[in-house]
């Protein structure tokens, strides 16, 4: 679900209000997806091609019978054993190749690919993307960095919160768990702006406790970054 102009304004207003009482910066980043996961269809297709044919043979399938069904000549004379074996192997290889191609096509469908992508792979890619966005803000280069990035990947259904280690020490990781739950709750209600606004308010309150406003400039735009 994409953000509307109203959503963007609500988020920007919430960020401005939160930053008015703290020297910290709150940055909201929304991504449609962080990766196309091209290796996932290949991995699943290879698994199907490697597992299904031997399983079929174990259950009683006969490559030679399939050769006949495909219109190939099946040699019955015992003297032609090499030809028989070669035909069976060739048929087996063709079946594997066909299964691989078919499975790859099916698993390349975006919705199917997302379902088959392991959670730990999604988590790693989303965190990597969130860290990259945090670096892109330029906040880590500051000695007094107190920035927090709330990163949401819509297609991956993942939320990450990135903050400096010294902020974690003072605020506690439980706070970021609440922030994640706030964003996820908004997504589940199909009201992403409310989720982000609640998350921003949580960040603003906890940052204000430990990093009160020092009258410094606003270093990062308040509107959400969409990638």
N, C-alpha and C. Protein backbone atom coordinates (compact mmCIF):
# COMPACT_ATOMS: atom_id res chain seq x y z
N UNK A 1 0.85 -1.16 0.00
CA UNK A 1 0.00 0.00 0.00
C UNK A 1 0.90 1.23 0.00
N UNK A 2 0.72 2.08 -1.01
CA UNK A 2 1.56 3.25 -1.17
C UNK A 2 1.05 4.41 -0.31
N UNK A 3 1.96 5.33 0.00
CA UNK A 3 1.58 6.51 0.76
C UNK A 3 0.87 7.51 -0.15
N UNK A 4 -0.14 8.15 0.40
CA UNK A 4 -0.83 9.22 -0.32
C UNK A 4 -0.19 10.56 0.06
N UNK A 5 -0.57 11.61 -0.65
CA UNK A 5 -0.06 12.94 -0.31
C UNK A 5 -0.45 13.33 1.11
N UNK A 6 -1.66 12.94 1.51
CA UNK A 6 -2.11 13.22 2.88
C UNK A 6 -1.24 12.49 3.88
N UNK A 7 -0.92 11.22 3.57
CA UNK A 7 -0.05 10.44 4.45
C UNK A 7 1.31 11.13 4.61
N UNK A 8 1.86 11.59 3.50
CA UNK A 8 3.18 12.23 3.54
C UNK A 8 3.15 13.48 4.40
N UNK A 9 2.08 14.26 4.28
CA UNK A 9 1.97 15.48 5.07
C UNK A 9 1.82 15.15 6.56
N UNK A 10 1.03 14.13 6.87
CA UNK A 10 0.86 13.74 8.27
C UNK A 10 2.18 13.29 8.88
N UNK A 11 2.95 12.52 8.12
CA UNK A 11 4.24 12.03 8.61
C UNK A 11 5.21 13.19 8.79
N UNK A 12 5.26 14.10 7.82
CA UNK A 12 6.16 15.25 7.90
C UNK A 12 5.82 16.13 9.11
N UNK A 13 4.54 16.32 9.34
CA UNK A 13 4.11 17.13 10.50
C UNK A 13 4.51 16.47 11.80
N UNK A 14 4.34 15.14 11.87
CA UNK A 14 4.70 14.40 13.08
C UNK A 14 6.20 14.48 13.34
N UNK A 15 7.00 14.38 12.28
CA UNK A 15 8.46 14.48 12.43
C UNK A 15 8.84 15.87 12.93
N UNK A 16 8.26 16.90 12.35
CA UNK A 16 8.57 18.27 12.76
C UNK A 16 8.22 18.49 14.23
N UNK A 17 7.09 17.97 14.66
CA UNK A 17 6.66 18.13 16.05
C UNK A 17 7.59 17.35 17.00
N UNK A 18 8.00 16.17 16.58
CA UNK A 18 8.89 15.36 17.42
C UNK A 18 10.25 16.02 17.55
N UNK A 19 10.77 16.56 16.44
CA UNK A 19 12.11 17.14 16.45
C UNK A 19 12.13 18.51 17.12
N UNK A 20 10.96 19.11 17.34
CA UNK A 20 10.90 20.42 17.99
C UNK A 20 11.31 20.34 19.46
N UNK A 21 11.29 19.12 20.02
CA UNK A 21 11.62 18.98 21.44
C UNK A 21 12.89 18.16 21.69
N UNK A 22 13.65 17.90 20.62
CA UNK A 22 14.89 17.12 20.77
C UNK A 22 15.92 17.58 19.76
N UNK A 23 17.18 17.34 20.10
CA UNK A 23 18.25 17.63 19.14
C UNK A 23 18.42 16.50 18.14
N UNK A 24 17.69 15.42 18.36
CA UNK A 24 17.78 14.27 17.46
C UNK A 24 17.00 14.47 16.18
N UNK A 25 17.29 13.60 15.23
CA UNK A 25 16.60 13.61 13.94
C UNK A 25 15.84 12.29 13.78
N UNK A 26 14.62 12.39 13.30
CA UNK A 26 13.82 11.20 13.00
C UNK A 26 13.59 11.16 11.49
N UNK A 27 14.00 10.08 10.88
CA UNK A 27 13.89 9.94 9.42
C UNK A 27 13.03 8.72 9.10
N UNK A 28 12.03 8.92 8.27
CA UNK A 28 11.16 7.83 7.83
C UNK A 28 11.51 7.48 6.39
N UNK A 29 11.78 6.21 6.15
CA UNK A 29 12.09 5.72 4.81
C UNK A 29 11.13 4.60 4.47
N UNK A 30 10.49 4.71 3.31
CA UNK A 30 9.55 3.69 2.86
C UNK A 30 10.03 3.15 1.51
N UNK A 31 10.23 1.84 1.45
CA UNK A 31 10.67 1.19 0.22
C UNK A 31 9.60 0.23 -0.26
N UNK A 32 9.40 0.17 -1.58
CA UNK A 32 8.48 -0.82 -2.12
C UNK A 32 9.07 -2.22 -1.90
N UNK A 33 10.33 -2.40 -2.27
CA UNK A 33 11.05 -3.64 -2.01
C UNK A 33 12.53 -3.33 -1.97
N UNK A 34 13.29 -4.12 -1.24
CA UNK A 34 14.72 -3.88 -1.11
C UNK A 34 15.53 -4.77 -2.03
N UNK A 35 14.90 -5.80 -2.57
CA UNK A 35 15.61 -6.72 -3.47
C UNK A 35 14.60 -7.49 -4.30
N UNK A 36 15.03 -7.88 -5.51
CA UNK A 36 14.21 -8.75 -6.35
C UNK A 36 14.45 -10.21 -6.02
N UNK A 37 15.42 -10.50 -5.15
CA UNK A 37 15.75 -11.87 -4.76
C UNK A 37 15.87 -12.81 -5.96
N UNK A 38 16.72 -12.48 -6.94
CA UNK A 38 16.82 -13.31 -8.15
C UNK A 38 17.32 -14.72 -7.90
N UNK A 39 18.03 -14.92 -6.79
CA UNK A 39 18.56 -16.25 -6.50
C UNK A 39 17.51 -17.22 -5.98
N UNK A 40 16.40 -16.69 -5.49
CA UNK A 40 15.38 -17.57 -4.88
C UNK A 40 14.71 -18.48 -5.91
N UNK A 41 14.22 -17.96 -7.06
CA UNK A 41 13.65 -18.87 -8.07
C UNK A 41 14.66 -19.90 -8.57
N UNK A 42 15.91 -19.50 -8.72
CA UNK A 42 16.94 -20.43 -9.18
C UNK A 42 17.16 -21.55 -8.16
N UNK A 43 17.21 -21.19 -6.89
CA UNK A 43 17.44 -22.19 -5.85
C UNK A 43 16.29 -23.18 -5.77
N UNK A 44 15.06 -22.68 -5.79
CA UNK A 44 13.90 -23.56 -5.71
C UNK A 44 13.76 -24.41 -6.97
N UNK A 45 14.03 -23.84 -8.13
CA UNK A 45 13.95 -24.60 -9.38
C UNK A 45 14.99 -25.71 -9.40
N UNK A 46 16.20 -25.41 -8.93
CA UNK A 46 17.24 -26.45 -8.86
C UNK A 46 16.84 -27.56 -7.91
N UNK A 47 16.22 -27.20 -6.79
CA UNK A 47 15.78 -28.20 -5.82
C UNK A 47 14.72 -29.12 -6.43
N UNK A 48 13.77 -28.52 -7.15
CA UNK A 48 12.72 -29.32 -7.80
C UNK A 48 13.33 -30.25 -8.84
N UNK A 49 14.24 -29.73 -9.66
CA UNK A 49 14.84 -30.53 -10.72
C UNK A 49 15.70 -31.65 -10.18
N UNK A 50 16.31 -31.45 -9.04
CA UNK A 50 17.17 -32.48 -8.46
C UNK A 50 16.41 -33.51 -7.63
N UNK A 51 15.31 -33.09 -7.03
CA UNK A 51 14.60 -33.98 -6.10
C UNK A 51 13.47 -34.76 -6.76
N UNK A 52 12.69 -34.10 -7.62
CA UNK A 52 11.50 -34.74 -8.17
C UNK A 52 11.82 -35.96 -9.05
N UNK A 53 12.75 -35.88 -10.02
CA UNK A 53 13.00 -37.07 -10.86
C UNK A 53 13.44 -38.31 -10.08
N UNK A 54 14.44 -38.23 -9.19
CA UNK A 54 14.80 -39.45 -8.45
C UNK A 54 13.68 -39.93 -7.54
N UNK A 55 12.90 -39.01 -7.02
CA UNK A 55 11.76 -39.41 -6.19
C UNK A 55 10.74 -40.16 -7.04
N UNK A 56 10.52 -39.66 -8.27
CA UNK A 56 9.58 -40.33 -9.17
C UNK A 56 10.07 -41.73 -9.53
N UNK A 57 11.37 -41.87 -9.77
CA UNK A 57 11.92 -43.19 -10.07
C UNK A 57 11.77 -44.12 -8.88
N UNK A 58 12.02 -43.60 -7.67
CA UNK A 58 11.89 -44.41 -6.46
C UNK A 58 10.46 -44.88 -6.26
N UNK A 59 9.51 -44.08 -6.74
CA UNK A 59 8.10 -44.43 -6.60
C UNK A 59 7.58 -45.29 -7.74
N UNK A 60 8.47 -45.63 -8.70
CA UNK A 60 8.07 -46.56 -9.74
C UNK A 60 8.10 -46.04 -11.16
N UNK A 61 8.41 -44.77 -11.37
CA UNK A 61 8.47 -44.23 -12.73
C UNK A 61 9.65 -44.85 -13.47
N UNK A 62 9.51 -45.05 -14.79
CA UNK A 62 10.54 -45.67 -15.59
C UNK A 62 10.91 -44.74 -16.74
N UNK A 63 12.17 -44.28 -16.78
CA UNK A 63 12.58 -43.38 -17.86
C UNK A 63 12.39 -43.96 -19.25
N UNK A 64 12.59 -45.29 -19.38
CA UNK A 64 12.44 -45.92 -20.69
C UNK A 64 10.99 -45.85 -21.18
N UNK A 65 10.07 -46.06 -20.25
CA UNK A 65 8.65 -45.97 -20.63
C UNK A 65 8.31 -44.56 -21.07
N UNK A 66 8.91 -43.59 -20.38
CA UNK A 66 8.69 -42.20 -20.76
C UNK A 66 9.29 -41.91 -22.12
N UNK A 67 10.42 -42.55 -22.42
CA UNK A 67 11.03 -42.37 -23.74
C UNK A 67 10.06 -42.79 -24.84
N UNK A 68 9.38 -43.92 -24.62
CA UNK A 68 8.41 -44.38 -25.60
C UNK A 68 7.24 -43.44 -25.71
N UNK A 69 6.83 -42.91 -24.57
CA UNK A 69 5.70 -41.97 -24.58
C UNK A 69 6.05 -40.70 -25.33
N UNK A 70 7.34 -40.34 -25.31
CA UNK A 70 7.78 -39.14 -26.01
C UNK A 70 8.04 -39.38 -27.49
N UNK A 71 7.78 -40.63 -27.94
CA UNK A 71 7.95 -40.93 -29.36
C UNK A 71 9.35 -41.40 -29.72
N UNK A 72 10.19 -41.67 -28.71
CA UNK A 72 11.53 -42.15 -28.99
C UNK A 72 11.51 -43.67 -29.15
N UNK A 73 12.47 -44.21 -29.94
CA UNK A 73 12.60 -45.64 -30.11
C UNK A 73 13.23 -46.25 -28.86
N UNK A 74 12.66 -47.35 -28.39
CA UNK A 74 13.21 -48.07 -27.25
C UNK A 74 13.73 -49.40 -27.76
N UNK A 75 15.03 -49.62 -27.62
CA UNK A 75 15.66 -50.83 -28.11
C UNK A 75 15.49 -51.95 -27.11
N UNK A 76 14.99 -53.08 -27.54
CA UNK A 76 14.73 -54.17 -26.63
C UNK A 76 15.79 -55.24 -26.61
N UNK A 77 16.68 -55.32 -27.60
CA UNK A 77 17.69 -56.37 -27.67
C UNK A 77 18.75 -56.17 -26.61
N UNK A 78 19.13 -57.19 -25.92
CA UNK A 78 20.09 -57.08 -24.85
C UNK A 78 21.44 -56.58 -25.33
N UNK A 79 21.77 -56.82 -26.58
CA UNK A 79 23.05 -56.37 -27.12
C UNK A 79 23.10 -54.86 -27.24
N UNK A 80 21.96 -54.23 -27.20
CA UNK A 80 21.91 -52.77 -27.34
C UNK A 80 21.76 -52.09 -25.99
N UNK A 81 22.36 -52.70 -24.93
CA UNK A 81 22.20 -52.18 -23.58
C UNK A 81 22.72 -50.75 -23.45
N UNK A 82 23.87 -50.48 -24.12
CA UNK A 82 24.43 -49.12 -24.05
C UNK A 82 23.46 -48.10 -24.62
N UNK A 83 22.79 -48.46 -25.70
CA UNK A 83 21.81 -47.56 -26.30
C UNK A 83 20.63 -47.33 -25.38
N UNK A 84 20.22 -48.40 -24.72
CA UNK A 84 19.09 -48.30 -23.78
C UNK A 84 19.44 -47.36 -22.63
N UNK A 85 20.62 -47.55 -22.06
CA UNK A 85 21.05 -46.73 -20.93
C UNK A 85 21.17 -45.27 -21.36
N UNK A 86 21.76 -45.06 -22.54
CA UNK A 86 21.91 -43.70 -23.04
C UNK A 86 20.56 -43.04 -23.24
N UNK A 87 19.59 -43.78 -23.76
CA UNK A 87 18.25 -43.23 -23.94
C UNK A 87 17.59 -42.87 -22.63
N UNK A 88 17.79 -43.75 -21.61
CA UNK A 88 17.19 -43.48 -20.30
C UNK A 88 17.81 -42.24 -19.67
N UNK A 89 19.14 -42.14 -19.77
CA UNK A 89 19.82 -40.98 -19.20
C UNK A 89 19.41 -39.69 -19.91
N UNK A 90 19.30 -39.78 -21.26
CA UNK A 90 18.89 -38.61 -22.02
C UNK A 90 17.50 -38.15 -21.64
N UNK A 91 16.58 -39.12 -21.48
CA UNK A 91 15.22 -38.78 -21.08
C UNK A 91 15.19 -38.16 -19.69
N UNK A 92 16.00 -38.73 -18.78
CA UNK A 92 16.08 -38.23 -17.41
C UNK A 92 16.56 -36.78 -17.41
N UNK A 93 17.58 -36.51 -18.24
CA UNK A 93 18.14 -35.16 -18.32
C UNK A 93 17.12 -34.17 -18.89
N UNK A 94 16.37 -34.62 -19.91
CA UNK A 94 15.36 -33.75 -20.49
C UNK A 94 14.26 -33.42 -19.49
N UNK A 95 13.87 -34.42 -18.72
CA UNK A 95 12.85 -34.19 -17.69
C UNK A 95 13.36 -33.20 -16.66
N UNK A 96 14.61 -33.37 -16.24
CA UNK A 96 15.18 -32.43 -15.27
C UNK A 96 15.21 -31.01 -15.81
N UNK A 97 15.65 -30.87 -17.06
CA UNK A 97 15.74 -29.55 -17.66
C UNK A 97 14.35 -28.91 -17.78
N UNK A 98 13.37 -29.71 -18.18
CA UNK A 98 12.00 -29.20 -18.30
C UNK A 98 11.44 -28.78 -16.96
N UNK A 99 11.68 -29.60 -15.93
CA UNK A 99 11.20 -29.26 -14.60
C UNK A 99 11.85 -27.98 -14.09
N UNK A 100 13.17 -27.85 -14.34
CA UNK A 100 13.88 -26.65 -13.90
C UNK A 100 13.28 -25.40 -14.55
N UNK A 101 13.09 -25.46 -15.86
CA UNK A 101 12.56 -24.30 -16.58
C UNK A 101 11.16 -23.95 -16.11
N UNK A 102 10.30 -24.96 -15.95
CA UNK A 102 8.92 -24.71 -15.52
C UNK A 102 8.89 -24.15 -14.10
N UNK A 103 9.68 -24.77 -13.21
CA UNK A 103 9.70 -24.32 -11.82
C UNK A 103 10.24 -22.90 -11.73
N UNK A 104 11.27 -22.59 -12.51
CA UNK A 104 11.83 -21.23 -12.48
C UNK A 104 10.80 -20.20 -12.91
N UNK A 105 10.03 -20.52 -13.94
CA UNK A 105 9.00 -19.60 -14.41
C UNK A 105 7.94 -19.36 -13.33
N UNK A 106 7.53 -20.43 -12.67
CA UNK A 106 6.50 -20.31 -11.63
C UNK A 106 7.04 -19.54 -10.43
N UNK A 107 8.24 -19.89 -9.99
CA UNK A 107 8.81 -19.26 -8.80
C UNK A 107 9.27 -17.83 -9.05
N UNK A 108 9.35 -17.43 -10.33
CA UNK A 108 9.73 -16.05 -10.64
C UNK A 108 8.56 -15.09 -10.56
N UNK A 109 7.34 -15.62 -10.44
CA UNK A 109 6.17 -14.76 -10.24
C UNK A 109 6.37 -14.02 -8.92
N UNK A 110 6.31 -12.67 -8.93
CA UNK A 110 6.65 -11.91 -7.71
C UNK A 110 5.97 -12.39 -6.44
N UNK A 111 4.67 -12.64 -6.50
CA UNK A 111 3.96 -13.06 -5.29
C UNK A 111 4.46 -14.40 -4.78
N UNK A 112 4.72 -15.32 -5.70
CA UNK A 112 5.23 -16.64 -5.32
C UNK A 112 6.64 -16.51 -4.76
N UNK A 113 7.47 -15.70 -5.43
CA UNK A 113 8.85 -15.52 -5.00
C UNK A 113 8.91 -14.95 -3.58
N UNK A 114 8.04 -13.99 -3.28
CA UNK A 114 8.04 -13.39 -1.94
C UNK A 114 7.68 -14.42 -0.88
N UNK A 115 6.70 -15.29 -1.20
CA UNK A 115 6.28 -16.31 -0.23
C UNK A 115 7.41 -17.30 0.02
N UNK A 116 8.15 -17.65 -1.01
CA UNK A 116 9.19 -18.67 -0.91
C UNK A 116 10.53 -18.13 -0.40
N UNK A 117 10.65 -16.82 -0.28
CA UNK A 117 11.90 -16.25 0.23
C UNK A 117 11.95 -16.43 1.74
N UNK A 118 12.98 -17.09 2.26
CA UNK A 118 13.07 -17.31 3.71
C UNK A 118 13.08 -16.00 4.49
N UNK A 119 12.49 -16.05 5.66
CA UNK A 119 12.41 -14.85 6.48
C UNK A 119 13.76 -14.27 6.84
N UNK A 120 14.74 -15.15 7.11
CA UNK A 120 16.06 -14.63 7.51
C UNK A 120 16.74 -13.90 6.36
N UNK A 121 16.43 -14.31 5.11
CA UNK A 121 17.00 -13.61 3.96
C UNK A 121 16.37 -12.21 3.84
N UNK A 122 15.05 -12.14 3.99
CA UNK A 122 14.38 -10.84 3.94
C UNK A 122 14.90 -9.92 5.05
N UNK A 123 15.03 -10.48 6.26
CA UNK A 123 15.47 -9.66 7.39
C UNK A 123 16.86 -9.09 7.13
N UNK A 124 17.75 -9.91 6.59
CA UNK A 124 19.11 -9.44 6.33
C UNK A 124 19.14 -8.36 5.25
N UNK A 125 18.35 -8.55 4.18
CA UNK A 125 18.34 -7.57 3.09
C UNK A 125 17.72 -6.25 3.56
N UNK A 126 16.64 -6.33 4.34
CA UNK A 126 15.98 -5.11 4.80
C UNK A 126 16.90 -4.34 5.75
N UNK A 127 17.56 -5.06 6.64
CA UNK A 127 18.47 -4.37 7.57
C UNK A 127 19.63 -3.72 6.80
N UNK A 128 20.14 -4.42 5.80
CA UNK A 128 21.22 -3.86 4.99
C UNK A 128 20.76 -2.57 4.30
N UNK A 129 19.54 -2.60 3.75
CA UNK A 129 19.00 -1.42 3.09
C UNK A 129 18.76 -0.28 4.08
N UNK A 130 18.29 -0.62 5.29
CA UNK A 130 18.06 0.39 6.31
C UNK A 130 19.38 1.05 6.74
N UNK A 131 20.40 0.25 6.90
CA UNK A 131 21.71 0.80 7.26
C UNK A 131 22.24 1.72 6.17
N UNK A 132 22.03 1.32 4.92
CA UNK A 132 22.48 2.15 3.80
C UNK A 132 21.75 3.49 3.80
N UNK A 133 20.46 3.48 4.10
CA UNK A 133 19.71 4.72 4.15
C UNK A 133 20.14 5.60 5.32
N UNK A 134 20.49 4.96 6.43
CA UNK A 134 20.97 5.73 7.58
C UNK A 134 22.29 6.43 7.24
N UNK A 135 23.18 5.71 6.59
CA UNK A 135 24.45 6.31 6.17
C UNK A 135 24.19 7.44 5.18
N UNK A 136 23.21 7.25 4.30
CA UNK A 136 22.91 8.26 3.28
C UNK A 136 22.42 9.57 3.89
N UNK A 137 21.87 9.55 5.10
CA UNK A 137 21.43 10.79 5.74
C UNK A 137 22.60 11.68 6.12
N UNK A 138 23.79 11.09 6.26
CA UNK A 138 24.96 11.85 6.68
C UNK A 138 25.07 12.00 8.18
N UNK A 139 24.09 11.52 8.94
CA UNK A 139 24.10 11.67 10.40
C UNK A 139 25.24 10.91 11.08
N UNK A 140 25.59 9.70 10.61
CA UNK A 140 26.66 8.97 11.30
C UNK A 140 28.00 9.70 11.28
N UNK A 141 28.19 10.62 10.34
CA UNK A 141 29.46 11.34 10.24
C UNK A 141 29.59 12.41 11.33
N UNK A 142 28.50 12.73 12.02
CA UNK A 142 28.53 13.75 13.06
C UNK A 142 28.91 13.13 14.41
N UNK A 143 29.72 13.82 15.18
CA UNK A 143 30.14 13.31 16.48
C UNK A 143 28.95 13.21 17.44
N UNK A 144 28.02 14.15 17.31
CA UNK A 144 26.87 14.18 18.22
C UNK A 144 25.63 13.57 17.55
N UNK A 145 25.85 12.58 16.70
CA UNK A 145 24.75 11.99 15.94
C UNK A 145 23.70 11.40 16.87
N UNK A 146 22.47 11.84 16.68
CA UNK A 146 21.35 11.30 17.47
C UNK A 146 20.19 10.99 16.54
N UNK A 147 20.51 10.54 15.35
CA UNK A 147 19.46 10.24 14.38
C UNK A 147 18.89 8.85 14.55
N UNK A 148 17.62 8.73 14.19
CA UNK A 148 16.92 7.46 14.19
C UNK A 148 16.23 7.30 12.84
N UNK A 149 16.44 6.18 12.20
CA UNK A 149 15.79 5.90 10.92
C UNK A 149 14.74 4.82 11.12
N UNK A 150 13.52 5.12 10.73
CA UNK A 150 12.44 4.12 10.72
C UNK A 150 12.28 3.67 9.27
N UNK A 151 12.62 2.44 9.00
CA UNK A 151 12.65 1.93 7.63
C UNK A 151 11.60 0.83 7.47
N UNK A 152 10.75 0.98 6.46
CA UNK A 152 9.71 -0.01 6.19
C UNK A 152 9.80 -0.48 4.75
N UNK A 153 9.86 -1.80 4.55
CA UNK A 153 9.83 -2.38 3.21
C UNK A 153 8.45 -3.00 3.00
N UNK A 154 7.66 -2.41 2.11
CA UNK A 154 6.25 -2.79 1.98
C UNK A 154 6.07 -4.21 1.48
N UNK A 155 6.76 -4.58 0.40
CA UNK A 155 6.59 -5.92 -0.16
C UNK A 155 7.16 -7.00 0.75
N UNK A 156 8.19 -6.64 1.51
CA UNK A 156 8.82 -7.63 2.40
C UNK A 156 8.12 -7.72 3.75
N UNK A 157 7.21 -6.78 4.02
CA UNK A 157 6.50 -6.76 5.30
C UNK A 157 7.49 -6.74 6.46
N UNK A 158 8.49 -5.86 6.35
CA UNK A 158 9.54 -5.77 7.36
C UNK A 158 9.76 -4.32 7.77
N UNK A 159 10.02 -4.13 9.05
CA UNK A 159 10.33 -2.79 9.58
C UNK A 159 11.63 -2.88 10.37
N UNK A 160 12.52 -1.92 10.13
CA UNK A 160 13.78 -1.85 10.86
C UNK A 160 13.92 -0.45 11.46
N UNK A 161 14.49 -0.40 12.64
CA UNK A 161 14.81 0.88 13.27
C UNK A 161 16.32 0.91 13.49
N UNK A 162 16.97 1.94 12.93
CA UNK A 162 18.42 2.08 13.05
C UNK A 162 18.72 3.31 13.90
N UNK A 163 19.49 3.11 14.97
CA UNK A 163 19.89 4.22 15.83
C UNK A 163 21.34 4.02 16.24
N UNK A 164 21.99 5.10 16.61
CA UNK A 164 23.38 5.01 17.06
C UNK A 164 23.48 4.17 18.33
N UNK A 165 24.60 3.45 18.52
CA UNK A 165 24.76 2.61 19.72
C UNK A 165 24.56 3.37 21.03
N UNK A 166 25.06 4.62 21.10
CA UNK A 166 24.92 5.36 22.37
C UNK A 166 23.46 5.74 22.63
N UNK A 167 22.65 5.81 21.56
CA UNK A 167 21.22 6.05 21.75
C UNK A 167 20.57 4.78 22.32
N UNK A 168 20.96 3.62 21.79
CA UNK A 168 20.44 2.36 22.31
C UNK A 168 20.73 2.22 23.80
N UNK A 169 21.94 2.62 24.19
CA UNK A 169 22.35 2.48 25.59
C UNK A 169 21.44 3.30 26.51
N UNK A 170 21.05 4.48 26.05
CA UNK A 170 20.23 5.34 26.90
C UNK A 170 18.74 5.06 26.78
N UNK A 171 18.31 4.73 25.57
CA UNK A 171 16.86 4.55 25.33
C UNK A 171 16.40 3.11 25.58
N UNK A 172 17.27 2.15 25.30
CA UNK A 172 16.88 0.76 25.45
C UNK A 172 16.20 0.21 24.21
N UNK A 173 16.49 -1.03 23.88
CA UNK A 173 15.96 -1.62 22.65
C UNK A 173 14.45 -1.86 22.74
N UNK A 174 13.91 -1.88 23.95
CA UNK A 174 12.46 -2.07 24.07
C UNK A 174 11.69 -0.95 23.38
N UNK A 175 12.28 0.23 23.38
CA UNK A 175 11.63 1.38 22.72
C UNK A 175 11.49 1.12 21.23
N UNK A 176 12.55 0.60 20.61
CA UNK A 176 12.51 0.36 19.17
C UNK A 176 11.54 -0.76 18.83
N UNK A 177 11.38 -1.70 19.74
CA UNK A 177 10.36 -2.74 19.52
C UNK A 177 8.97 -2.12 19.47
N UNK A 178 8.70 -1.16 20.35
CA UNK A 178 7.42 -0.47 20.32
C UNK A 178 7.24 0.31 19.02
N UNK A 179 8.34 0.91 18.54
CA UNK A 179 8.28 1.66 17.29
C UNK A 179 7.91 0.73 16.14
N UNK A 180 8.56 -0.44 16.09
CA UNK A 180 8.26 -1.41 15.03
C UNK A 180 6.81 -1.85 15.10
N UNK A 181 6.33 -2.16 16.30
CA UNK A 181 4.95 -2.60 16.45
C UNK A 181 3.96 -1.51 16.04
N UNK A 182 4.32 -0.26 16.29
CA UNK A 182 3.43 0.84 15.89
C UNK A 182 3.29 0.90 14.37
N UNK A 183 4.42 0.78 13.67
CA UNK A 183 4.37 0.82 12.20
C UNK A 183 3.61 -0.38 11.66
N UNK A 184 3.92 -1.56 12.18
CA UNK A 184 3.25 -2.78 11.72
C UNK A 184 1.75 -2.69 11.98
N UNK A 185 1.37 -2.16 13.12
CA UNK A 185 -0.06 -2.02 13.43
C UNK A 185 -0.77 -1.14 12.42
N UNK A 186 -0.12 -0.04 12.03
CA UNK A 186 -0.72 0.83 11.02
C UNK A 186 -0.87 0.13 9.69
N UNK A 187 0.14 -0.65 9.31
CA UNK A 187 0.07 -1.39 8.05
C UNK A 187 -1.07 -2.40 8.07
N UNK A 188 -1.22 -3.10 9.18
CA UNK A 188 -2.27 -4.11 9.28
C UNK A 188 -3.66 -3.48 9.26
N UNK A 189 -3.77 -2.26 9.75
CA UNK A 189 -5.06 -1.55 9.70
C UNK A 189 -5.26 -0.83 8.38
N UNK A 190 -4.29 -0.97 7.48
CA UNK A 190 -4.32 -0.29 6.19
C UNK A 190 -4.37 1.22 6.36
N UNK A 191 -3.70 1.68 7.40
CA UNK A 191 -3.58 3.10 7.70
C UNK A 191 -2.12 3.37 8.05
N UNK A 192 -1.23 3.30 7.05
CA UNK A 192 0.20 3.41 7.34
C UNK A 192 0.59 4.72 8.00
N UNK A 193 -0.07 5.82 7.62
CA UNK A 193 0.30 7.11 8.19
C UNK A 193 0.12 7.12 9.71
N UNK A 194 -0.98 6.56 10.20
CA UNK A 194 -1.21 6.53 11.65
C UNK A 194 -0.13 5.71 12.35
N UNK A 195 0.27 4.60 11.72
CA UNK A 195 1.33 3.79 12.31
C UNK A 195 2.64 4.54 12.39
N UNK A 196 2.99 5.23 11.31
CA UNK A 196 4.23 6.00 11.32
C UNK A 196 4.16 7.16 12.31
N UNK A 197 3.02 7.84 12.37
CA UNK A 197 2.86 8.96 13.30
C UNK A 197 3.06 8.50 14.74
N UNK A 198 2.44 7.37 15.09
CA UNK A 198 2.60 6.83 16.44
C UNK A 198 4.06 6.48 16.71
N UNK A 199 4.72 5.85 15.73
CA UNK A 199 6.12 5.48 15.88
C UNK A 199 7.01 6.71 16.05
N UNK A 200 6.72 7.75 15.29
CA UNK A 200 7.50 9.00 15.38
C UNK A 200 7.31 9.64 16.75
N UNK A 201 6.08 9.60 17.25
CA UNK A 201 5.81 10.18 18.58
C UNK A 201 6.60 9.44 19.66
N UNK A 202 6.68 8.12 19.54
CA UNK A 202 7.46 7.34 20.51
C UNK A 202 8.94 7.75 20.45
N UNK A 203 9.47 7.85 19.23
CA UNK A 203 10.86 8.26 19.06
C UNK A 203 11.10 9.66 19.62
N UNK A 204 10.19 10.59 19.31
CA UNK A 204 10.34 11.96 19.78
C UNK A 204 10.34 12.05 21.29
N UNK A 205 9.45 11.32 21.95
CA UNK A 205 9.36 11.37 23.41
C UNK A 205 10.63 10.84 24.07
N UNK A 206 11.13 9.70 23.58
CA UNK A 206 12.31 9.11 24.22
C UNK A 206 13.57 9.90 23.92
N UNK A 207 13.66 10.46 22.71
CA UNK A 207 14.82 11.29 22.37
C UNK A 207 14.82 12.58 23.19
N UNK A 208 13.65 13.13 23.40
CA UNK A 208 13.54 14.37 24.18
C UNK A 208 14.02 14.17 25.62
N UNK A 209 13.81 12.99 26.16
CA UNK A 209 14.24 12.70 27.53
C UNK A 209 15.75 12.72 27.66
N UNK A 210 16.43 12.19 26.66
CA UNK A 210 17.88 12.04 26.75
C UNK A 210 18.66 13.05 25.91
N UNK A 211 18.00 13.58 24.87
CA UNK A 211 18.66 14.54 23.99
C UNK A 211 17.73 15.71 23.73
N UNK A 212 17.58 16.60 24.73
CA UNK A 212 16.64 17.73 24.58
C UNK A 212 17.07 18.69 23.47
N UNK A 213 16.14 19.49 23.05
CA UNK A 213 16.38 20.44 21.96
C UNK A 213 17.51 21.41 22.32
N UNK A 214 18.44 21.58 21.38
CA UNK A 214 19.56 22.49 21.61
C UNK A 214 19.52 23.70 20.66
N UNK A 215 18.40 23.84 19.95
CA UNK A 215 18.26 24.96 19.04
C UNK A 215 19.02 24.82 17.75
N UNK A 216 19.56 23.62 17.48
CA UNK A 216 20.32 23.40 16.27
C UNK A 216 19.43 23.32 15.04
N UNK A 217 20.05 23.32 13.84
CA UNK A 217 19.27 23.28 12.59
C UNK A 217 18.68 21.90 12.32
N UNK A 218 17.67 21.89 11.49
CA UNK A 218 17.09 20.63 11.03
C UNK A 218 17.99 20.07 9.92
N UNK A 219 18.62 18.94 10.16
CA UNK A 219 19.63 18.43 9.24
C UNK A 219 19.06 17.57 8.12
N UNK A 220 17.89 16.99 8.34
CA UNK A 220 17.30 16.09 7.34
C UNK A 220 15.84 16.52 7.11
N UNK A 221 15.39 16.56 5.85
CA UNK A 221 13.99 16.93 5.57
C UNK A 221 13.00 16.06 6.34
N UNK A 222 11.86 16.66 6.70
CA UNK A 222 10.87 15.96 7.50
C UNK A 222 10.03 14.98 6.69
N UNK A 223 9.86 15.24 5.40
CA UNK A 223 9.01 14.37 4.60
C UNK A 223 9.64 12.98 4.48
N UNK A 224 8.82 11.93 4.39
CA UNK A 224 9.37 10.58 4.26
C UNK A 224 10.13 10.40 2.96
N UNK A 225 11.17 9.60 3.03
CA UNK A 225 11.96 9.25 1.85
C UNK A 225 11.34 7.99 1.25
N UNK A 226 11.02 8.02 -0.04
CA UNK A 226 10.42 6.86 -0.69
C UNK A 226 11.37 6.36 -1.78
N UNK A 227 11.70 5.07 -1.69
CA UNK A 227 12.65 4.49 -2.64
C UNK A 227 12.06 3.25 -3.28
